[in-house]
Amino acid sequence: MPQCHPTRASLRQPTTRARRVPRRRAMTTGLATAAVAALTATTVVPESLPAAPAQAQRAADTIDAHAVTISGTAPTPSPEAVVVTAAPQTTPEVEAAVAQASGVLVKAEHVAAESADAPAEDVEEIAQTTAVVRELLRRAAPESPSDAAAAAQDAAEAALTQAAPSVEPTDLPEPADATAAPAQAENAPETASTTRTPSEAVIAAADAAVTAAADAADVALGPALAVAAALTQQSETLKGLIETGSSTVVVTPAPPTAEQIAAEKAAEAAADAAHLAELAASAAGYGNGQIPASVLRELPWAPGESLRADAAVQLERLNEAFFARFGTHLDVVDSYRSYAAQVATKRARGFWAAVPGTSNHGWGVAVDLGGSVARFGGEGYAWLAEHAAAFGWVNPDWARPGGSKPEPWHWEYTG
């Protein structure tokens, strides 16, 4: 068989293959390096964009020494533990100052809302002191649990953001959105923190109050106790402006409503009716013409004339109205009649007098009047006929024109 000898070409091929394998590996590694740099540049939060070239350079410098694995997202390092400091515990002095200030502020708000007639300088002084108390109260009031929890959550989110700057590419805003974001922030409505920010004058006054309170203390005060002392002093000042001295604000109450007026009148009427009923009951145990003088009530403008107490009270009120209209009192000719007086009257007047023991004069609830009231056509009679019933007094049917015994002068109390 012919013997085959190796040629130079056959001897060079293995060497060439050996050199090409590392070359292909180097090309693959270079592509991986470029991919890592590109991915890093496109997945960095906008705030960290300036650091992207340096990160890409460090990755390129170390790519020969470390293996690189490319995945859909960049690896996120584990965040460090976030320590949230709890709200400081309040002291009894701070709690007392906060409670006092809260109560005084309620009164100040009421005065501000209702003091339309107060001097402007007094209202202005109260308003300024109120603003200082509010600022000191804001400093002294402890952070609520909900606020502390929100602060802890914000701190944790901030720490996570700093520890893991890479996000998904789809989460990044589009260029148009990124450009519009500042404009939206400028047009956004003011939040509570911006609208409630105290003025520089109020802050300066609050600072001065805290400094004065700290200087006046016998012992050194910490920041919290100094604020509490200033809050107490300013609350006392505000209370004094509201309640005492020349700055006392007169609060004009709102006029009563129709319902309130009706309720007051009804209550007054009920009380008056109860009082009259009590007066009437005082004479209930006595017979006609047998009521003692101690139970009767004498008429103030008609000496010697008396009635049952409740009838006398209502006749006094009717007389006041009559006097306001005519300028003269009711002319009372006869009132209560004892049984003996009824007998004498019956003997003298006959038909025109009631049987003794049955007359309303004997019960102390009838009067005979003179003057213009004693004539049916008189102006006084016409006025009484229209208004006397409102006071419980009437000219009975039998005594009116056309009655069985017309007597314009005779009036009876029916309650």
Foldseek 3Di string as FASTA:
>chain_A
DDDDDDDPVVVCVVVVVVVVVVVVVVVVLVVVLVVVLVQQCLFFDVVCNVCSVVVSVVCVVCSVPDPDDDDQFDDFDDFDDDDQDDWDDADPLLVVLLVLLVVLLVLLVVCLVFQPPADPVLNVVLVLLNLLLVVLSVVQDIDDPVRSVVVVVVRVVVRSCVRGRGDRSVPDDDPVVVVCVVVCVVPDDDDPVVVPDDDPVSVVVNVVLLVVQQVPDPDHDDSNNSSSSSSNVSSVVSVCLDPDDPNHGDGDDDDDDPVVVVVVVVVVVVVLVVVLVVQLVLQVVAFQLGGDPVSWDAAPVDPPATARVSLSVLLNVVQVVVCVVVVDGWAWPHFAHHLVRLVVVCVVPPPLGDDRRPDVSSNRFKTFTDDQQFDCPRPSVVVCCVPVVVSQKHQDQLCPVVHVNPTSRMIGGDD
